[in-house]
N, C-alpha and C. Protein backbone atom coordinates (compact mmCIF):
# COMPACT_ATOMS: atom_id res chain seq x y z
N LEU A 1 -17.14 -116.76 -164.37
CA LEU A 1 -15.74 -116.19 -164.24
C LEU A 1 -14.76 -116.54 -165.51
N SER A 2 -13.80 -115.95 -165.78
CA SER A 2 -12.74 -115.73 -166.71
C SER A 2 -11.94 -115.74 -165.88
N ASN A 3 -10.15 -116.53 -166.92
CA ASN A 3 -9.39 -116.15 -166.37
C ASN A 3 -8.29 -115.31 -167.24
N ARG A 4 -9.05 -114.51 -168.45
CA ARG A 4 -8.70 -113.72 -169.04
C ARG A 4 -8.20 -112.13 -168.57
N THR A 5 -7.25 -111.84 -169.63
CA THR A 5 -6.94 -110.67 -169.20
C THR A 5 -7.03 -109.48 -170.21
N LEU A 6 -7.62 -108.22 -170.20
CA LEU A 6 -8.10 -107.56 -171.76
C LEU A 6 -6.92 -106.44 -171.69
N HIS A 7 -6.38 -106.27 -172.72
CA HIS A 7 -5.57 -104.86 -172.65
C HIS A 7 -6.24 -103.88 -173.33
N MET A 8 -6.08 -102.80 -172.36
CA MET A 8 -6.89 -101.50 -173.06
C MET A 8 -6.35 -100.66 -174.08
N ALA A 9 -6.65 -99.82 -174.54
CA ALA A 9 -5.99 -98.89 -175.58
C ALA A 9 -5.07 -97.96 -175.09
N ASP A 10 -5.11 -97.53 -173.40
CA ASP A 10 -4.22 -96.88 -172.59
C ASP A 10 -2.79 -97.87 -172.43
N GLY A 11 -3.09 -98.93 -172.31
CA GLY A 11 -1.97 -100.11 -172.09
C GLY A 11 -1.96 -100.76 -170.92
N SER A 12 -3.25 -100.24 -170.33
CA SER A 12 -3.70 -100.78 -168.84
C SER A 12 -4.36 -102.10 -169.10
N LEU A 13 -4.01 -103.05 -167.88
CA LEU A 13 -4.48 -104.76 -168.15
C LEU A 13 -5.61 -104.73 -167.19
N VAL A 14 -6.80 -105.59 -167.47
CA VAL A 14 -7.99 -105.17 -166.91
C VAL A 14 -8.44 -106.51 -166.87
N PRO A 15 -8.74 -107.32 -165.73
CA PRO A 15 -9.19 -108.74 -165.38
C PRO A 15 -10.76 -108.91 -165.92
N SER A 16 -10.86 -109.93 -166.88
CA SER A 16 -12.28 -110.34 -167.65
C SER A 16 -13.24 -111.03 -166.12
N LEU A 17 -14.34 -110.37 -166.21
CA LEU A 17 -15.38 -110.98 -165.26
C LEU A 17 -15.95 -111.72 -165.60
N GLY A 18 -16.01 -112.05 -167.13
CA GLY A 18 -16.36 -113.16 -167.80
C GLY A 18 -17.67 -112.92 -169.21
N ILE A 19 -18.35 -113.67 -169.64
CA ILE A 19 -18.69 -113.36 -170.93
C ILE A 19 -20.05 -113.77 -170.98
N TRP A 20 -21.06 -112.62 -171.42
CA TRP A 20 -22.60 -112.70 -171.43
C TRP A 20 -22.72 -113.18 -173.08
N LYS A 21 -23.95 -113.91 -173.16
CA LYS A 21 -24.41 -114.60 -174.29
C LYS A 21 -25.73 -114.23 -174.39
N GLY A 22 -26.36 -113.54 -175.28
CA GLY A 22 -28.10 -113.50 -175.20
C GLY A 22 -28.21 -112.96 -176.36
N VAL A 23 -30.09 -112.20 -176.42
CA VAL A 23 -30.20 -111.59 -177.55
C VAL A 23 -29.88 -109.97 -177.19
N PHE A 24 -29.54 -109.48 -177.89
CA PHE A 24 -28.89 -107.96 -177.74
C PHE A 24 -30.31 -106.90 -178.75
N GLU A 25 -31.10 -106.18 -178.33
CA GLU A 25 -31.88 -104.98 -178.95
C GLU A 25 -31.27 -104.09 -178.63
N TRP A 26 -31.02 -102.90 -179.85
CA TRP A 26 -30.63 -101.65 -179.79
C TRP A 26 -31.76 -101.13 -180.63
N GLY A 27 -32.53 -100.28 -180.12
CA GLY A 27 -33.60 -99.60 -181.43
C GLY A 27 -34.26 -100.88 -182.11
N LEU A 28 -34.67 -100.62 -183.23
CA LEU A 28 -35.46 -101.98 -183.70
C LEU A 28 -34.25 -103.26 -184.32
N ALA A 29 -33.08 -102.88 -183.58
CA ALA A 29 -32.22 -104.05 -184.44
C ALA A 29 -32.01 -105.04 -183.45
N GLN A 30 -32.13 -106.44 -183.84
CA GLN A 30 -32.29 -107.44 -182.64
C GLN A 30 -30.88 -108.27 -183.22
N VAL A 31 -29.74 -109.23 -181.94
CA VAL A 31 -28.89 -110.37 -182.83
C VAL A 31 -28.57 -110.82 -181.52
N GLU A 32 -28.33 -112.37 -181.73
CA GLU A 32 -27.72 -112.72 -180.96
C GLU A 32 -26.13 -112.37 -180.85
N THR A 33 -25.57 -112.23 -179.52
CA THR A 33 -24.39 -111.74 -179.48
C THR A 33 -23.52 -112.20 -178.13
N THR A 34 -22.28 -112.06 -178.26
CA THR A 34 -21.68 -112.46 -176.87
C THR A 34 -21.05 -111.01 -176.41
N PHE A 35 -20.60 -111.02 -175.62
CA PHE A 35 -19.90 -109.92 -174.94
C PHE A 35 -19.27 -109.86 -173.69
N LYS A 36 -17.51 -109.38 -173.76
CA LYS A 36 -16.89 -109.87 -172.71
C LYS A 36 -17.63 -108.56 -171.57
N VAL A 37 -17.27 -109.10 -170.23
CA VAL A 37 -17.37 -108.56 -169.37
C VAL A 37 -16.35 -107.98 -168.46
N PHE A 38 -16.50 -106.60 -168.17
CA PHE A 38 -15.21 -106.34 -167.14
C PHE A 38 -15.58 -104.69 -166.98
N PRO A 39 -14.81 -104.36 -165.73
CA PRO A 39 -15.15 -103.27 -164.90
C PRO A 39 -14.34 -102.11 -165.85
N SER A 40 -15.37 -101.23 -166.10
CA SER A 40 -14.92 -99.71 -166.94
C SER A 40 -14.31 -98.62 -166.35
N ARG A 41 -14.35 -98.72 -164.97
CA ARG A 41 -14.00 -98.11 -163.97
C ARG A 41 -14.65 -96.33 -164.31
N ALA A 42 -15.69 -96.53 -164.24
CA ALA A 42 -17.04 -95.27 -164.83
C ALA A 42 -16.23 -94.61 -165.95
N SER A 43 -15.66 -95.30 -166.92
CA SER A 43 -15.35 -94.46 -168.07
C SER A 43 -16.34 -94.86 -169.04
N TRP A 44 -17.15 -95.79 -169.15
CA TRP A 44 -18.49 -95.49 -169.94
C TRP A 44 -19.39 -96.70 -169.58
N GLN A 45 -20.68 -96.73 -169.86
CA GLN A 45 -21.35 -97.66 -169.23
C GLN A 45 -21.28 -99.08 -170.33
N MET A 46 -21.07 -99.00 -171.68
CA MET A 46 -21.18 -99.92 -172.53
C MET A 46 -19.86 -99.46 -173.57
N LEU A 47 -19.15 -100.35 -173.67
CA LEU A 47 -18.30 -100.20 -174.85
C LEU A 47 -18.78 -101.21 -176.42
N VAL A 48 -18.65 -100.54 -177.37
CA VAL A 48 -19.57 -101.14 -178.84
C VAL A 48 -18.21 -100.95 -179.48
N GLY A 49 -17.97 -102.70 -179.51
CA GLY A 49 -16.77 -102.61 -180.67
C GLY A 49 -17.45 -103.20 -181.83
N LYS A 50 -16.14 -103.48 -182.98
CA LYS A 50 -16.72 -103.36 -184.32
C LYS A 50 -17.67 -104.95 -184.65
N PRO A 51 -17.59 -105.93 -184.04
CA PRO A 51 -18.08 -107.09 -184.34
C PRO A 51 -19.58 -106.77 -184.11
N LEU A 52 -20.15 -105.92 -182.97
CA LEU A 52 -21.63 -105.88 -182.90
C LEU A 52 -21.85 -104.60 -183.72
N LEU A 53 -21.06 -103.96 -184.42
CA LEU A 53 -21.35 -102.58 -185.35
C LEU A 53 -21.77 -103.13 -186.39
N GLU A 54 -21.08 -104.34 -186.59
CA GLU A 54 -21.31 -105.18 -187.74
C GLU A 54 -22.41 -105.91 -187.80
N GLN A 55 -22.69 -106.41 -186.84
CA GLN A 55 -23.89 -107.31 -186.61
C GLN A 55 -25.12 -106.75 -186.90
N VAL A 56 -25.20 -105.43 -186.37
CA VAL A 56 -26.38 -104.88 -186.63
C VAL A 56 -26.28 -103.39 -188.00
N ARG A 57 -25.36 -103.52 -188.24
CA ARG A 57 -25.06 -102.99 -189.52
C ARG A 57 -25.23 -101.37 -189.37
N ALA A 58 -24.45 -101.00 -188.37
CA ALA A 58 -24.30 -99.43 -188.12
C ALA A 58 -23.88 -98.90 -188.76
N ILE A 59 -23.85 -97.53 -189.05
CA ILE A 59 -23.24 -96.39 -189.85
C ILE A 59 -22.54 -95.51 -188.91
N GLN A 60 -21.44 -95.23 -189.06
CA GLN A 60 -20.78 -94.40 -187.57
C GLN A 60 -20.41 -93.01 -188.24
N ASP A 61 -21.09 -91.92 -187.72
CA ASP A 61 -20.34 -90.89 -188.10
C ASP A 61 -19.74 -90.06 -187.15
N TYR A 62 -18.33 -90.03 -187.70
CA TYR A 62 -17.67 -89.56 -186.53
C TYR A 62 -17.46 -88.31 -186.11
N SER A 63 -17.70 -87.06 -187.76
CA SER A 63 -17.92 -85.76 -187.06
C SER A 63 -18.82 -85.63 -186.47
N ALA A 64 -20.16 -86.13 -186.60
CA ALA A 64 -21.10 -85.91 -185.76
C ALA A 64 -21.32 -86.79 -184.46
N ASP A 65 -20.58 -87.77 -184.04
CA ASP A 65 -20.32 -88.43 -182.93
C ASP A 65 -21.60 -89.28 -183.02
N THR A 66 -22.03 -89.84 -183.80
CA THR A 66 -23.69 -90.92 -183.94
C THR A 66 -23.22 -91.89 -184.37
N ILE A 67 -23.84 -92.87 -184.29
CA ILE A 67 -24.10 -93.88 -184.85
C ILE A 67 -25.70 -94.31 -185.16
N GLN A 68 -25.61 -94.92 -186.45
CA GLN A 68 -27.37 -94.87 -186.76
C GLN A 68 -27.37 -96.27 -187.10
N LEU A 69 -28.76 -97.05 -186.87
CA LEU A 69 -28.81 -98.61 -187.27
C LEU A 69 -29.61 -98.09 -188.57
């Protein structure tokens, strides 16, 4: 468990449930990384942040709403 509180983009405060550390596989990409775990309130299954996108060298196309690895 974690005693941290996360600040969401909408200004709400959400308690962190902990940190996950391990190997993450996304398509052919495989990286060792860490994630903060917190309840999304059904807003998304997984929130991918800039650190992970940089690790897998992702290319984000905002107009097509896609991410390429």
